[in-house]
């Protein structure tokens, strides 16, 4: 997606892992910050995974970093540690059913603060790692790196709603 016309052609948006300051700069350069905010505020489902959750947050702990402000959360970048600390964890995610979800954390953020309108749907080490606020979800982990499609099915249910 490179422009507002491309954005208008989608029913939902997933912002995956990467480098958050670079992605925000690119969204600004291509004039997509305000159009994305408007579409999401108008009801378009949005899912930020790992870096995408940082981009969606309202604040980044201990940093003056621009974000989209779509989720009333404060996140901490690289909260679980450096690359060497990356891991797959059996995560309890009740909204996905009784079986644990194989959450892949890679230099992942965590939620340090969740506003009153934010539902924390899963936690790891006492910090939120899966949150939802209306039509916006954020995950600290990378569901796309597993063979388990329950997170994707959950997001699809938001699109269909």
Protein backbone atom coordinates (compact mmCIF):
# COMPACT_ATOMS: atom_id res chain seq x y z
CA UNK A 1 0.00 0.00 0.00
CA UNK A 2 1.60 3.22 -1.16
CA UNK A 3 -1.17 5.79 -1.30
CA UNK A 4 -4.63 6.77 -0.15
CA UNK A 5 -6.24 5.09 -3.17
CA UNK A 6 -4.61 1.78 -2.17
CA UNK A 7 -5.85 2.25 1.40
CA UNK A 8 -9.39 2.87 0.13
CA UNK A 9 -9.32 -0.53 -1.61
CA UNK A 10 -8.82 -2.61 1.55
CA UNK A 11 -11.32 -3.81 4.15
CA UNK A 12 -8.76 -4.17 6.96
CA UNK A 13 -5.10 -3.47 7.63
CA UNK A 14 -2.35 -5.54 9.25
CA UNK A 15 0.90 -3.81 10.14
CA UNK A 16 3.50 -6.56 10.76
CA UNK A 17 6.91 -6.64 12.43
CA UNK A 18 9.76 -4.39 11.42
CA UNK A 19 11.26 -1.12 12.65
CA UNK A 20 8.64 1.27 14.04
CA UNK A 21 10.40 4.62 13.54
CA UNK A 22 11.06 3.77 9.89
CA UNK A 23 7.46 2.69 9.28
CA UNK A 24 6.05 5.88 10.83
CA UNK A 25 8.40 7.97 8.66
CA UNK A 26 7.26 6.10 5.56
CA UNK A 27 3.59 6.53 6.47
CA UNK A 28 4.24 10.26 6.88
CA UNK A 29 6.19 10.47 3.61
CA UNK A 30 3.38 8.79 1.67
CA UNK A 31 0.67 10.88 3.41
CA UNK A 32 -0.99 7.85 5.00
CA UNK A 33 -1.00 8.71 8.72
CA UNK A 34 -4.23 10.71 8.77
CA UNK A 35 -6.05 8.54 6.19
CA UNK A 36 -5.25 5.39 8.20
CA UNK A 37 -6.43 7.05 11.41
CA UNK A 38 -9.64 8.16 9.71
CA UNK A 39 -10.38 4.72 8.26
CA UNK A 40 -9.73 2.99 11.59
CA UNK A 41 -11.82 5.52 13.51
CA UNK A 42 -14.52 4.87 10.91
CA UNK A 43 -14.52 1.18 11.82
CA UNK A 44 -11.89 -0.47 9.60
CA UNK A 45 -10.25 -3.33 11.53
CA UNK A 46 -6.54 -2.86 12.25
CA UNK A 47 -4.04 -5.40 13.60
CA UNK A 48 -0.55 -4.46 14.68
CA UNK A 49 1.82 -7.37 15.29
CA UNK A 50 5.03 -6.71 17.24
CA UNK A 51 6.29 -3.48 15.63
CA UNK A 52 2.78 -2.90 14.35
CA UNK A 53 1.53 -2.79 17.94
CA UNK A 54 4.14 -0.12 18.68
CA UNK A 55 2.94 1.90 15.67
CA UNK A 56 -0.69 1.55 16.85
CA UNK A 57 0.04 2.54 20.48
CA UNK A 58 -0.57 5.96 21.96
CA UNK A 59 2.79 6.06 23.79
CA UNK A 60 6.19 4.38 23.74
CA UNK A 61 7.79 4.12 27.19
CA UNK A 62 10.92 6.22 27.71
CA UNK A 63 10.89 7.46 24.10
CA UNK A 64 9.56 10.43 22.21
CA UNK A 65 8.36 8.38 19.26
CA UNK A 66 5.54 9.20 16.89
CA UNK A 67 2.73 6.64 16.66
CA UNK A 68 -0.74 6.38 15.15
CA UNK A 69 -2.42 6.54 18.58
CA UNK A 70 -5.03 3.90 17.70
CA UNK A 71 -4.68 1.90 20.93
CA UNK A 72 -4.76 3.59 24.35
CA UNK A 73 -1.65 1.75 25.52
CA UNK A 74 1.93 2.48 26.46
CA UNK A 75 4.36 -0.06 25.04
CA UNK A 76 8.00 -0.78 25.81
CA UNK A 77 10.13 -1.66 22.80
CA UNK A 78 12.33 -4.78 22.98
CA UNK A 79 10.86 -5.48 26.42
CA UNK A 80 11.55 -9.21 26.38
CA UNK A 81 15.20 -8.67 25.52
CA UNK A 82 17.54 -8.76 22.58
CA UNK A 83 17.40 -11.13 19.60
CA UNK A 84 19.06 -13.90 21.61
CA UNK A 85 16.07 -13.87 24.02
CA UNK A 86 13.58 -14.63 21.22
CA UNK A 87 11.37 -17.60 22.06
CA UNK A 88 8.19 -19.51 21.33
CA UNK A 89 5.90 -19.64 24.37
CA UNK A 90 2.70 -21.61 24.97
CA UNK A 91 0.43 -18.65 25.71
CA UNK A 92 -2.96 -18.83 27.42
CA UNK A 93 -5.38 -16.87 25.19
CA UNK A 94 -8.93 -17.60 26.41
CA UNK A 95 -10.65 -15.88 23.45
CA UNK A 96 -8.93 -18.40 21.15
CA UNK A 97 -10.11 -21.44 23.10
CA UNK A 98 -8.62 -23.75 25.73
CA UNK A 99 -5.48 -24.86 23.86
CA UNK A 100 -2.40 -22.66 24.38
CA UNK A 101 -1.31 -20.50 21.45
CA UNK A 102 2.30 -20.91 20.21
CA UNK A 103 3.36 -17.26 20.54
CA UNK A 104 6.66 -16.38 18.84
CA UNK A 105 8.35 -13.41 20.55
CA UNK A 106 11.19 -11.74 18.61
CA UNK A 107 12.62 -8.60 20.28
CA UNK A 108 9.01 -8.07 21.28
CA UNK A 109 7.33 -5.14 22.99
CA UNK A 110 4.97 -5.49 25.91
CA UNK A 111 2.14 -3.32 27.22
CA UNK A 112 3.09 -1.31 30.28
CA UNK A 113 -0.21 0.57 30.54
CA UNK A 114 -3.63 -0.19 29.10
CA UNK A 115 -6.31 2.49 29.13
CA UNK A 116 -9.83 1.93 30.45
CA UNK A 117 -11.21 1.00 27.01
CA UNK A 118 -8.54 -1.60 26.27
CA UNK A 119 -9.10 -5.30 26.90
CA UNK A 120 -5.94 -7.24 27.74
CA UNK A 121 -6.65 -10.63 26.16
CA UNK A 122 -3.33 -12.32 27.00
CA UNK A 123 -0.35 -11.61 29.25
CA UNK A 124 3.18 -12.95 29.58
CA UNK A 125 5.42 -12.29 32.60
CA UNK A 126 2.77 -9.93 34.01
CA UNK A 127 2.56 -7.71 30.92
CA UNK A 128 -0.08 -7.50 28.21
CA UNK A 129 0.91 -9.10 24.91
CA UNK A 130 -2.49 -9.25 23.15
CA UNK A 131 -4.87 -6.30 23.45
CA UNK A 132 -8.05 -5.11 21.82
CA UNK A 133 -9.77 -1.75 21.73
CA UNK A 134 -12.85 -1.92 19.57
CA UNK A 135 -11.79 -2.71 16.00
CA UNK A 136 -8.05 -2.51 16.78
CA UNK A 137 -5.94 -5.38 18.07
CA UNK A 138 -2.27 -5.54 18.94
CA UNK A 139 -0.06 -8.56 19.53
CA UNK A 140 3.52 -8.53 20.80
CA UNK A 141 4.16 -11.84 19.10
CA UNK A 142 4.21 -13.09 15.50
CA UNK A 143 1.23 -15.41 14.79
CA UNK A 144 2.24 -15.60 11.13
CA UNK A 145 5.30 -17.65 12.09
CA UNK A 146 3.22 -20.55 13.41
CA UNK A 147 0.96 -23.13 11.83
CA UNK A 148 -1.85 -22.05 14.16
CA UNK A 149 -4.37 -19.82 12.38
CA UNK A 150 -6.59 -18.98 15.38
CA UNK A 151 -5.28 -15.39 15.68
CA UNK A 152 -5.91 -14.83 11.98
CA UNK A 153 -9.41 -16.30 12.33
CA UNK A 154 -10.03 -13.96 15.27
CA UNK A 155 -9.03 -10.98 13.11
CA UNK A 156 -11.19 -12.20 10.24
CA UNK A 157 -14.13 -12.29 12.65
CA UNK A 158 -13.58 -8.56 13.27
CA UNK A 159 -13.64 -7.91 9.55
CA UNK A 160 -16.89 -9.86 9.11
CA UNK A 161 -18.59 -8.15 12.09
